[in-house]
């Protein structure tokens, strides 16, 4: 019985580590000279990562996860600002 529970916990931990590794890679990516479709894709990827990390954060309440979500949200906002373009009067 304990082996089965241990496998479930280890599977969740490995998924969490995978998500955090993806988030680290996403944070390091350069966002300059992106096409419009690349920006849309990057924005969706950021949203996916933020929501996945949020699910882990709900269970663990780890402050490092919150910091990661904040950094990803900041990057996502910059991408979306570029998507909307500049308003001209």
N, C-alpha and C. Protein backbone atom coordinates (compact mmCIF):
# COMPACT_ATOMS: atom_id res chain seq x y z
N UNK A 1 0.82 -1.20 0.00
CA UNK A 1 0.00 0.00 0.00
C UNK A 1 0.87 1.26 0.00
N UNK A 2 1.90 1.29 0.84
CA UNK A 2 2.75 2.47 0.92
C UNK A 2 3.52 2.72 -0.37
N UNK A 3 3.92 1.65 -1.05
CA UNK A 3 4.62 1.83 -2.32
C UNK A 3 3.74 2.54 -3.33
N UNK A 4 2.47 2.17 -3.37
CA UNK A 4 1.55 2.79 -4.31
C UNK A 4 1.40 4.28 -4.00
N UNK A 5 1.22 4.61 -2.73
CA UNK A 5 1.08 6.02 -2.33
C UNK A 5 2.38 6.77 -2.62
N UNK A 6 3.51 6.14 -2.36
CA UNK A 6 4.80 6.77 -2.64
C UNK A 6 4.97 7.07 -4.11
N UNK A 7 4.50 6.16 -4.97
CA UNK A 7 4.59 6.39 -6.41
C UNK A 7 3.74 7.57 -6.84
N UNK A 8 2.56 7.70 -6.23
CA UNK A 8 1.68 8.83 -6.57
C UNK A 8 2.35 10.13 -6.16
N UNK A 9 2.89 10.18 -4.95
CA UNK A 9 3.56 11.39 -4.47
C UNK A 9 4.78 11.71 -5.33
N UNK A 10 5.57 10.69 -5.66
CA UNK A 10 6.75 10.91 -6.51
C UNK A 10 6.35 11.40 -7.89
N UNK A 11 5.24 10.86 -8.41
CA UNK A 11 4.78 11.30 -9.73
C UNK A 11 4.39 12.78 -9.68
N UNK A 12 3.70 13.19 -8.61
CA UNK A 12 3.31 14.59 -8.48
C UNK A 12 4.55 15.47 -8.34
N UNK A 13 5.53 15.02 -7.57
CA UNK A 13 6.76 15.80 -7.40
C UNK A 13 7.52 15.93 -8.71
N UNK A 14 7.55 14.85 -9.49
CA UNK A 14 8.26 14.93 -10.77
C UNK A 14 7.53 15.86 -11.73
N UNK A 15 6.20 15.85 -11.69
CA UNK A 15 5.43 16.78 -12.53
C UNK A 15 5.70 18.22 -12.09
N UNK A 16 5.77 18.44 -10.79
CA UNK A 16 6.06 19.78 -10.27
C UNK A 16 7.44 20.23 -10.71
N UNK A 17 8.41 19.34 -10.64
CA UNK A 17 9.76 19.69 -11.06
C UNK A 17 9.81 19.98 -12.55
N UNK A 18 9.07 19.21 -13.34
CA UNK A 18 9.02 19.45 -14.78
C UNK A 18 8.45 20.84 -15.07
N UNK A 19 7.38 21.19 -14.38
CA UNK A 19 6.74 22.49 -14.59
C UNK A 19 7.70 23.61 -14.19
N UNK A 20 8.38 23.44 -13.07
CA UNK A 20 9.32 24.47 -12.62
C UNK A 20 10.50 24.60 -13.57
N UNK A 21 10.95 23.50 -14.14
CA UNK A 21 12.03 23.56 -15.14
C UNK A 21 11.55 24.28 -16.39
N UNK A 22 10.32 23.98 -16.82
CA UNK A 22 9.76 24.68 -17.98
C UNK A 22 9.65 26.17 -17.71
N UNK A 23 9.24 26.53 -16.49
CA UNK A 23 9.11 27.94 -16.12
C UNK A 23 10.47 28.63 -16.14
N UNK A 24 11.50 27.95 -15.66
CA UNK A 24 12.85 28.53 -15.66
C UNK A 24 13.33 28.75 -17.08
N UNK A 25 13.08 27.80 -17.95
CA UNK A 25 13.47 27.94 -19.36
C UNK A 25 12.71 29.09 -20.00
N UNK A 26 11.41 29.18 -19.71
CA UNK A 26 10.58 30.24 -20.28
C UNK A 26 11.07 31.61 -19.82
N UNK A 27 11.44 31.72 -18.55
CA UNK A 27 11.93 33.00 -18.02
C UNK A 27 13.22 33.45 -18.71
N UNK A 28 14.07 32.50 -19.07
CA UNK A 28 15.36 32.83 -19.67
C UNK A 28 15.27 33.14 -21.16
N UNK A 29 14.18 32.77 -21.80
CA UNK A 29 14.05 32.99 -23.24
C UNK A 29 14.02 34.48 -23.56
N UNK A 30 14.63 34.82 -24.67
CA UNK A 30 14.59 36.20 -25.15
C UNK A 30 13.26 36.45 -25.82
N UNK A 31 12.70 37.61 -25.59
CA UNK A 31 11.40 37.93 -26.15
C UNK A 31 11.49 39.03 -27.21
N UNK A 32 12.70 39.35 -27.63
CA UNK A 32 12.84 40.38 -28.66
C UNK A 32 12.70 39.77 -30.04
N UNK A 33 12.28 40.58 -30.97
CA UNK A 33 12.13 40.19 -32.38
C UNK A 33 11.18 39.00 -32.56
N UNK A 34 10.07 39.03 -31.84
CA UNK A 34 9.08 37.95 -31.97
C UNK A 34 7.99 38.37 -32.93
N UNK A 35 7.50 37.41 -33.68
CA UNK A 35 6.36 37.69 -34.55
C UNK A 35 5.09 37.74 -33.69
N UNK A 36 4.00 38.18 -34.29
CA UNK A 36 2.75 38.27 -33.56
C UNK A 36 2.30 36.89 -33.07
N UNK A 37 2.42 35.89 -33.93
CA UNK A 37 1.99 34.55 -33.52
C UNK A 37 2.90 33.98 -32.43
N UNK A 38 4.18 34.34 -32.47
CA UNK A 38 5.09 33.90 -31.40
C UNK A 38 4.70 34.52 -30.06
N UNK A 39 4.28 35.78 -30.10
CA UNK A 39 3.85 36.44 -28.86
C UNK A 39 2.59 35.80 -28.30
N UNK A 40 1.65 35.46 -29.18
CA UNK A 40 0.42 34.80 -28.74
C UNK A 40 0.76 33.46 -28.10
N UNK A 41 1.63 32.71 -28.74
CA UNK A 41 2.04 31.40 -28.22
C UNK A 41 2.74 31.56 -26.87
N UNK A 42 3.62 32.54 -26.76
CA UNK A 42 4.34 32.78 -25.51
C UNK A 42 3.39 33.19 -24.39
N UNK A 43 2.40 34.00 -24.71
CA UNK A 43 1.42 34.42 -23.72
C UNK A 43 0.61 33.23 -23.21
N UNK A 44 0.21 32.37 -24.11
CA UNK A 44 -0.55 31.18 -23.72
C UNK A 44 0.30 30.22 -22.89
N UNK A 45 1.56 30.09 -23.26
CA UNK A 45 2.47 29.23 -22.51
C UNK A 45 2.67 29.78 -21.10
N UNK A 46 2.82 31.09 -20.97
CA UNK A 46 2.97 31.71 -19.66
C UNK A 46 1.73 31.46 -18.81
N UNK A 47 0.57 31.60 -19.41
CA UNK A 47 -0.67 31.36 -18.67
C UNK A 47 -0.74 29.92 -18.19
N UNK A 48 -0.37 28.98 -19.06
CA UNK A 48 -0.41 27.56 -18.70
C UNK A 48 0.53 27.29 -17.52
N UNK A 49 1.72 27.85 -17.58
CA UNK A 49 2.70 27.64 -16.51
C UNK A 49 2.23 28.26 -15.19
N UNK A 50 1.67 29.46 -15.27
CA UNK A 50 1.20 30.14 -14.06
C UNK A 50 0.09 29.33 -13.40
N UNK A 51 -0.86 28.85 -14.19
CA UNK A 51 -1.96 28.07 -13.62
C UNK A 51 -1.47 26.74 -13.04
N UNK A 52 -0.52 26.11 -13.70
CA UNK A 52 0.02 24.84 -13.19
C UNK A 52 0.78 25.06 -11.88
N UNK A 53 1.58 26.12 -11.82
CA UNK A 53 2.31 26.41 -10.59
C UNK A 53 1.34 26.79 -9.48
N UNK A 54 0.26 27.48 -9.83
CA UNK A 54 -0.73 27.86 -8.84
C UNK A 54 -1.36 26.63 -8.18
N UNK A 55 -1.62 25.59 -8.97
CA UNK A 55 -2.19 24.36 -8.41
C UNK A 55 -1.23 23.73 -7.40
N UNK A 56 0.06 23.77 -7.70
CA UNK A 56 1.05 23.24 -6.76
C UNK A 56 1.12 24.13 -5.53
N UNK A 57 1.06 25.45 -5.74
CA UNK A 57 1.15 26.40 -4.64
C UNK A 57 0.00 26.22 -3.65
N UNK A 58 -1.18 25.91 -4.16
CA UNK A 58 -2.34 25.69 -3.28
C UNK A 58 -2.08 24.57 -2.28
N UNK A 59 -1.31 23.57 -2.69
CA UNK A 59 -1.04 22.43 -1.82
C UNK A 59 0.13 22.69 -0.88
N UNK A 60 1.15 23.40 -1.35
CA UNK A 60 2.38 23.53 -0.57
C UNK A 60 2.55 24.87 0.13
N UNK A 61 1.97 25.94 -0.40
CA UNK A 61 2.12 27.29 0.14
C UNK A 61 3.59 27.72 0.21
N UNK A 62 4.37 27.31 -0.78
CA UNK A 62 5.80 27.64 -0.84
C UNK A 62 5.97 29.04 -1.43
N UNK A 63 6.69 29.90 -0.72
CA UNK A 63 6.85 31.29 -1.16
C UNK A 63 7.66 31.39 -2.45
N UNK A 64 8.55 30.43 -2.71
CA UNK A 64 9.33 30.45 -3.95
C UNK A 64 8.42 30.25 -5.16
N UNK A 65 7.38 29.45 -4.99
CA UNK A 65 6.43 29.26 -6.09
C UNK A 65 5.69 30.56 -6.38
N UNK A 66 5.34 31.29 -5.32
CA UNK A 66 4.66 32.57 -5.51
C UNK A 66 5.58 33.55 -6.24
N UNK A 67 6.84 33.57 -5.88
CA UNK A 67 7.80 34.45 -6.56
C UNK A 67 7.92 34.09 -8.04
N UNK A 68 7.94 32.79 -8.33
CA UNK A 68 8.02 32.35 -9.73
C UNK A 68 6.78 32.79 -10.49
N UNK A 69 5.61 32.63 -9.87
CA UNK A 69 4.37 33.06 -10.53
C UNK A 69 4.38 34.56 -10.80
N UNK A 70 4.89 35.33 -9.86
CA UNK A 70 4.96 36.78 -10.04
C UNK A 70 5.86 37.16 -11.21
N UNK A 71 7.01 36.49 -11.30
CA UNK A 71 7.93 36.79 -12.41
C UNK A 71 7.31 36.41 -13.75
N UNK A 72 6.64 35.26 -13.80
CA UNK A 72 5.99 34.83 -15.04
C UNK A 72 4.86 35.78 -15.42
N UNK A 73 4.11 36.24 -14.42
CA UNK A 73 3.01 37.17 -14.69
C UNK A 73 3.55 38.48 -15.23
N UNK A 74 4.65 38.94 -14.68
CA UNK A 74 5.27 40.18 -15.16
C UNK A 74 5.70 40.05 -16.62
N UNK A 75 6.31 38.93 -16.94
CA UNK A 75 6.75 38.69 -18.32
C UNK A 75 5.55 38.58 -19.25
N UNK A 76 4.49 37.92 -18.79
CA UNK A 76 3.27 37.77 -19.58
C UNK A 76 2.64 39.13 -19.87
N UNK A 77 2.62 40.00 -18.87
CA UNK A 77 2.06 41.34 -19.06
C UNK A 77 2.85 42.13 -20.11
N UNK A 78 4.17 41.99 -20.09
CA UNK A 78 5.00 42.68 -21.09
C UNK A 78 4.68 42.17 -22.50
N UNK A 79 4.51 40.86 -22.61
CA UNK A 79 4.18 40.27 -23.92
C UNK A 79 2.83 40.78 -24.39
N UNK A 80 1.85 40.79 -23.49
CA UNK A 80 0.51 41.22 -23.87
C UNK A 80 0.45 42.70 -24.19
N UNK A 81 1.29 43.49 -23.53
CA UNK A 81 1.34 44.92 -23.84
C UNK A 81 1.80 45.12 -25.28
N UNK A 82 2.77 44.31 -25.70
CA UNK A 82 3.24 44.38 -27.09
C UNK A 82 2.19 43.86 -28.07
N UNK A 83 1.39 42.90 -27.64
CA UNK A 83 0.35 42.36 -28.52
C UNK A 83 -0.71 43.41 -28.83
N UNK A 84 -1.06 44.19 -27.80
CA UNK A 84 -2.12 45.18 -27.98
C UNK A 84 -1.66 46.36 -28.81
N UNK A 85 -0.38 46.61 -28.82
CA UNK A 85 0.16 47.71 -29.63
C UNK A 85 0.01 49.04 -28.93
N UNK A 86 0.48 50.06 -29.60
CA UNK A 86 0.41 51.40 -29.04
C UNK A 86 -0.81 52.13 -29.57
N UNK A 87 -1.46 52.84 -28.68
CA UNK A 87 -2.62 53.63 -29.09
C UNK A 87 -2.14 54.97 -29.64
N UNK A 88 -2.71 55.36 -30.76
CA UNK A 88 -2.36 56.66 -31.34
C UNK A 88 -3.60 57.53 -31.33
N UNK A 89 -3.40 58.80 -31.05
CA UNK A 89 -4.53 59.72 -30.98
C UNK A 89 -4.63 60.55 -32.22
